[in-house]
Amino acid sequence: MTIQQAIHRKTHGRGWPFPAALLVLAAVGCAVSQQQEVQMGQQYAAQIQEQLPIVRDPEIVRYINVLGDSLASVTDDRSLQWHFYVVDQMEINAFALPGGYIFVNRGLIERAKTMSEVAGVIGHEIGHVTRRHSIKQMQKAQGANVGVTLACILTNVCSSDVARTGIDLAAGGLFARFSRDDEAEADAEGVKTVIKAGIDPRGIPAMFRILLDERKQQPGAVETFFASHPLEESRIAATDALIAKYPPAQLKGLTVDSPNFEAFKARLKSLPPSPPPRKR
């Protein structure tokens, strides 16, 4: 069943009342406000937390949010409330939802060698949010799909079946896949953000090298990341070139690693093994 068929069934059968149908139609093609963006992210984040295993250890939660907030605070000019999560999966991945929700997989953190590498990933994902890449994707998508997605989230008029079959969830759908231009823009934002936060930006291309090496050794471990984050050797060169534009004096003394990060990583490794991936 397509989205349009679902709308027809719901609006002409016993489903949505007439005002709800109007809300769906009114949402089509409308600009998404910041309040709607935040509500959208909140709704999807709740669904993600039901579908994916999230690390709830208080020290892990505290550290990832302290690190994330230190990055977001130097670049966010919209006063968003930011939320950072560690997903208890060993596959390498990270993704951002609209409105300030960032998820980083345990496997990515454990493969990182320094704090600056994880900070670079988070700074990159923050860049997707600050540049509103997800919202721009929605506005480029088919009008009916955008309208239904927005109306479902803001009015709760969709049945669970329609929501599951007609709307891509964030971790594997609309909000996970960005264009190469979006990725390049987020890389540039990430470089600027970590420097403003006093962190060495060379962790960004260093993490890219780790990911490319991992793809050669264990392709399955990075399949999800590469599906949603186009990455080639040229992207390493591009971030190296961006960093080279900064005066050496400005880069001198920036933080590469920290005892707190090492303690965070050690605690993460000490937790029980990640649960096996769910079968789709």
Protein backbone atom coordinates (compact mmCIF):
# COMPACT_ATOMS: atom_id res chain seq x y z
CA MET A 1 0.00 0.00 0.00
CA THR A 2 1.34 3.43 -0.92
CA ILE A 3 1.12 6.52 1.27
CA GLN A 4 -1.50 7.95 -1.05
CA GLN A 5 -3.61 4.78 -0.80
CA ALA A 6 -3.30 4.84 2.95
CA ILE A 7 -4.50 8.45 3.02
CA HIS A 8 -7.48 7.55 0.83
CA ARG A 9 -8.43 4.58 2.99
CA LYS A 10 -8.11 6.54 6.22
CA THR A 11 -9.89 9.65 5.02
CA HIS A 12 -12.75 7.81 3.26
CA GLY A 13 -13.24 4.94 5.70
CA ARG A 14 -13.47 4.77 9.45
CA GLY A 15 -10.03 6.17 10.08
CA TRP A 16 -9.09 9.80 10.45
CA PRO A 17 -11.82 12.39 11.02
CA PHE A 18 -12.19 15.06 8.36
CA PRO A 19 -10.16 17.73 10.26
CA ALA A 20 -7.22 15.32 10.49
CA ALA A 21 -7.35 14.77 6.75
CA LEU A 22 -7.18 18.51 6.27
CA LEU A 23 -4.14 18.64 8.53
CA VAL A 24 -2.39 16.12 6.31
CA LEU A 25 -3.20 18.11 3.19
CA ALA A 26 -2.22 21.38 4.84
CA ALA A 27 1.15 19.96 5.82
CA VAL A 28 2.03 19.13 2.24
CA GLY A 29 4.57 21.56 0.89
CA CYS A 30 4.67 23.68 4.04
CA ALA A 31 7.94 24.91 5.46
CA VAL A 32 8.99 23.06 8.59
CA SER A 33 9.38 25.37 11.58
CA GLN A 34 12.00 24.84 14.28
CA GLN A 35 9.29 23.72 16.71
CA GLN A 36 8.07 21.13 14.20
CA GLU A 37 11.65 20.03 13.55
CA VAL A 38 12.20 19.45 17.27
CA GLN A 39 8.90 17.58 17.63
CA MET A 40 9.83 15.43 14.66
CA GLY A 41 13.21 14.59 16.14
CA GLN A 42 11.66 13.84 19.52
CA GLN A 43 9.13 11.47 17.99
CA TYR A 44 11.68 9.63 15.89
CA ALA A 45 14.15 9.47 18.80
CA ALA A 46 11.50 7.76 20.92
CA GLN A 47 10.93 5.19 18.16
CA ILE A 48 14.66 4.65 17.73
CA GLN A 49 15.04 3.98 21.45
CA GLU A 50 12.33 1.35 21.21
CA GLN A 51 13.96 -0.33 18.22
CA LEU A 52 17.66 -0.09 19.04
CA PRO A 53 19.51 -1.09 22.22
CA ILE A 54 20.71 2.06 24.00
CA VAL A 55 23.49 2.06 26.61
CA ARG A 56 21.91 3.26 29.87
CA ASP A 57 24.99 3.15 32.09
CA PRO A 58 24.95 6.53 33.93
CA GLU A 59 28.66 7.23 33.42
CA ILE A 60 28.47 6.48 29.71
CA VAL A 61 25.38 8.65 29.33
CA ARG A 62 27.00 11.48 31.30
CA TYR A 63 30.23 11.49 29.31
CA ILE A 64 28.72 11.32 25.82
CA ASN A 65 26.39 14.21 26.70
CA VAL A 66 29.17 16.31 28.24
CA LEU A 67 31.30 15.81 25.14
CA GLY A 68 28.37 16.41 22.81
CA ASP A 69 27.20 19.53 24.64
CA SER A 70 30.73 20.97 24.60
CA LEU A 71 30.64 20.72 20.81
CA ALA A 72 27.06 21.81 20.22
CA SER A 73 27.39 24.85 22.49
CA VAL A 74 30.04 26.46 20.26
CA THR A 75 28.13 26.10 16.99
CA ASP A 76 24.38 26.01 17.70
CA ASP A 77 22.81 29.41 17.06
CA ARG A 78 19.21 28.21 17.51
CA SER A 79 19.31 27.26 21.23
CA LEU A 80 18.32 23.65 20.62
CA GLN A 81 18.17 21.12 23.44
CA TRP A 82 20.72 18.51 22.44
CA HIS A 83 20.55 14.80 23.25
CA PHE A 84 23.36 12.30 22.71
CA TYR A 85 23.07 8.51 22.88
CA VAL A 86 25.38 5.50 22.62
CA VAL A 87 23.74 2.66 20.68
CA ASP A 88 24.75 -0.74 22.04
CA GLN A 89 25.74 -2.20 18.68
CA MET A 90 29.21 -3.21 17.50
CA GLU A 91 28.54 -2.22 13.89
CA ILE A 92 30.13 1.14 13.07
CA ASN A 93 27.54 3.85 12.63
CA ALA A 94 26.40 7.29 13.74
CA PHE A 95 23.40 9.34 12.71
CA ALA A 96 21.54 12.55 13.49
CA LEU A 97 17.84 13.30 13.78
CA PRO A 98 16.25 16.72 13.29
CA GLY A 99 16.14 19.01 16.29
CA GLY A 100 19.32 17.87 18.05
CA TYR A 101 19.30 14.09 18.56
CA ILE A 102 22.61 12.33 17.91
CA PHE A 103 23.24 8.57 18.08
CA VAL A 104 26.73 6.99 18.02
CA ASN A 105 27.26 3.23 17.93
CA ARG A 106 29.37 1.55 20.59
CA GLY A 107 31.39 -0.15 17.86
CA LEU A 108 32.53 3.19 16.44
CA ILE A 109 33.64 4.46 19.84
CA GLU A 110 35.54 1.27 20.67
CA ARG A 111 37.40 1.38 17.35
CA ALA A 112 38.44 5.01 17.84
CA LYS A 113 41.95 5.59 19.17
CA THR A 114 41.51 9.10 20.56
CA MET A 115 38.86 11.45 21.85
CA SER A 116 39.38 13.78 18.90
CA GLU A 117 38.21 11.04 16.52
CA VAL A 118 34.90 10.52 18.34
CA ALA A 119 34.51 14.28 18.77
CA GLY A 120 34.97 14.67 15.01
CA VAL A 121 32.16 12.20 14.32
CA ILE A 122 29.85 13.98 16.75
CA GLY A 123 30.81 17.37 15.31
CA HIS A 124 29.99 16.06 11.84
CA GLU A 125 26.55 14.83 12.96
CA ILE A 126 25.89 18.14 14.73
CA GLY A 127 26.66 19.79 11.39
CA HIS A 128 23.85 17.82 9.76
CA VAL A 129 21.45 19.22 12.36
CA THR A 130 22.65 22.83 12.30
CA ARG A 131 22.52 22.87 8.51
CA ARG A 132 19.07 21.24 8.62
CA HIS A 133 20.01 18.61 6.06
CA SER A 134 17.18 16.26 7.06
CA ILE A 135 14.59 19.00 6.73
CA LYS A 136 15.95 20.02 3.34
CA GLN A 137 15.72 16.39 2.24
CA MET A 138 12.10 16.29 3.29
CA GLN A 139 11.33 19.45 1.38
CA LYS A 140 12.89 17.96 -1.74
CA ALA A 141 10.95 14.72 -1.37
CA GLN A 142 7.51 14.04 -2.82
CA GLY A 143 5.01 16.44 -1.35
CA ALA A 144 2.55 13.80 -0.15
CA ASN A 145 5.22 11.87 1.69
CA VAL A 146 6.46 15.00 3.42
CA GLY A 147 2.94 16.01 4.38
CA VAL A 148 2.02 12.63 5.79
CA THR A 149 5.27 12.31 7.72
CA LEU A 150 4.86 15.72 9.29
CA ALA A 151 1.17 15.31 10.00
CA CYS A 152 1.66 11.86 11.56
CA ILE A 153 4.28 13.20 13.91
CA LEU A 154 2.56 16.42 14.89
CA THR A 155 -1.03 15.15 15.15
CA ASN A 156 -0.66 11.42 15.94
CA VAL A 157 -3.36 10.63 13.37
CA CYS A 158 -1.54 7.73 11.73
CA SER A 159 -2.20 4.15 12.69
CA SER A 160 0.84 2.12 13.64
CA ASP A 161 0.50 -0.03 10.50
CA VAL A 162 0.46 2.97 8.20
CA ALA A 163 3.38 4.55 10.03
CA ARG A 164 5.42 1.38 9.77
CA THR A 165 4.72 0.68 6.10
CA GLY A 166 4.55 4.19 4.70
CA ILE A 167 7.20 6.19 6.55
CA ASP A 168 10.90 5.36 6.74
CA LEU A 169 12.26 5.35 10.27
CA ALA A 170 15.25 7.50 11.00
CA ALA A 171 18.04 4.96 11.48
CA GLY A 172 17.41 3.25 8.16
CA GLY A 173 15.54 5.71 6.03
CA LEU A 174 14.99 9.36 5.26
CA PHE A 175 17.09 10.85 8.06
CA ALA A 176 20.05 8.52 7.66
CA ARG A 177 21.04 9.13 4.05
CA PHE A 178 22.64 12.37 2.99
CA SER A 179 24.06 13.48 -0.33
CA ARG A 180 27.77 13.84 -0.94
CA ASP A 181 27.34 17.62 -0.82
CA ASP A 182 25.62 17.33 2.56
CA GLU A 183 28.41 15.09 3.82
CA ALA A 184 31.06 17.54 2.65
CA GLU A 185 29.21 20.41 4.28
CA ALA A 186 28.90 18.46 7.54
CA ASP A 187 32.62 17.66 7.38
CA ALA A 188 33.41 21.37 7.09
CA GLU A 189 31.07 22.14 9.98
CA GLY A 190 32.70 19.39 12.01
CA VAL A 191 36.17 20.84 11.45
CA LYS A 192 35.04 24.30 12.53
CA THR A 193 33.14 22.97 15.53
CA VAL A 194 35.91 20.87 17.05
CA ILE A 195 38.42 23.70 16.65
CA LYS A 196 36.06 26.10 18.41
CA ALA A 197 35.72 23.53 21.19
CA GLY A 198 39.49 23.29 21.57
CA ILE A 199 39.78 19.81 20.04
CA ASP A 200 42.23 18.77 17.33
CA PRO A 201 40.37 18.53 13.98
CA ARG A 202 42.87 16.01 12.62
CA GLY A 203 40.80 13.40 14.43
CA ILE A 204 38.26 13.69 11.58
CA PRO A 205 40.45 12.40 8.73
CA ALA A 206 42.07 9.99 11.20
CA MET A 207 38.67 8.43 11.88
CA PHE A 208 38.00 8.23 8.15
CA ARG A 209 41.23 6.25 7.75
CA ILE A 210 40.15 3.86 10.51
CA LEU A 211 36.82 3.33 8.75
CA LEU A 212 38.42 2.71 5.37
CA ASP A 213 40.85 0.22 6.91
CA GLU A 214 37.94 -1.49 8.65
CA ARG A 215 36.09 -1.79 5.35
CA LYS A 216 39.05 -3.67 3.88
CA GLN A 217 39.27 -6.05 6.85
CA GLN A 218 35.62 -6.48 7.90
CA PRO A 219 33.27 -5.03 5.28
CA GLY A 220 30.15 -6.14 7.15
CA ALA A 221 31.06 -4.13 10.25
CA VAL A 222 30.88 -0.83 8.36
CA GLU A 223 28.21 -1.65 5.80
CA THR A 224 25.56 0.49 7.51
CA PHE A 225 27.89 3.45 7.93
CA PHE A 226 29.02 3.46 4.31
CA ALA A 227 25.43 3.05 3.09
CA SER A 228 24.42 6.26 4.84
CA HIS A 229 27.74 8.17 4.77
CA PRO A 230 29.38 8.14 1.33
CA LEU A 231 33.10 7.96 2.04
CA GLU A 232 36.05 7.79 -0.31
CA GLU A 233 39.74 8.61 -0.04
CA SER A 234 38.97 12.01 -1.59
CA ARG A 235 37.02 12.95 1.51
CA ILE A 236 40.12 12.44 3.62
CA ALA A 237 42.05 14.73 1.30
CA ALA A 238 39.25 17.31 1.44
CA THR A 239 39.22 17.46 5.25
CA ASP A 240 43.04 17.55 5.35
CA ALA A 241 42.86 20.53 2.95
CA LEU A 242 40.29 22.30 5.14
CA ILE A 243 42.46 21.84 8.21
CA ALA A 244 45.56 23.05 6.35
CA LYS A 245 43.88 26.43 5.83
CA TYR A 246 44.08 27.15 9.56
CA PRO A 247 47.26 28.82 10.87
CA PRO A 248 49.52 26.26 12.56
CA ALA A 249 49.50 28.39 15.70
CA GLN A 250 45.73 28.00 15.94
CA LEU A 251 45.99 24.21 15.80
CA LYS A 252 48.87 24.00 18.25
CA GLY A 253 47.92 22.68 21.66
CA LEU A 254 44.42 21.52 20.73
CA THR A 255 43.25 18.45 22.65
CA VAL A 256 43.80 15.10 20.99
CA ASP A 257 42.95 12.77 23.84
CA SER A 258 42.07 12.91 27.53
CA PRO A 259 42.08 10.66 30.61
CA ASN A 260 38.31 11.10 30.87
CA PHE A 261 37.83 9.72 27.37
CA GLU A 262 40.09 6.78 28.08
CA ALA A 263 38.10 6.04 31.24
CA PHE A 264 34.86 6.34 29.25
CA LYS A 265 36.12 3.96 26.59
CA ALA A 266 37.37 1.47 29.20
CA ARG A 267 34.02 1.53 30.99
CA LEU A 268 32.21 0.96 27.70
CA LYS A 269 34.41 -2.05 26.97
CA SER A 270 33.70 -3.43 30.44
CA LEU A 271 29.95 -3.57 29.85
CA PRO A 272 28.27 -6.85 28.82
CA PRO A 273 28.61 -7.67 25.12
CA SER A 274 26.25 -5.92 22.75
CA PRO A 275 23.11 -7.89 21.89
CA PRO A 276 23.04 -9.55 18.47
CA PRO A 277 21.48 -7.47 15.71
CA ARG A 278 17.75 -7.92 15.21
CA LYS A 279 16.71 -9.93 12.20
CA ARG A 280 14.80 -7.83 9.68
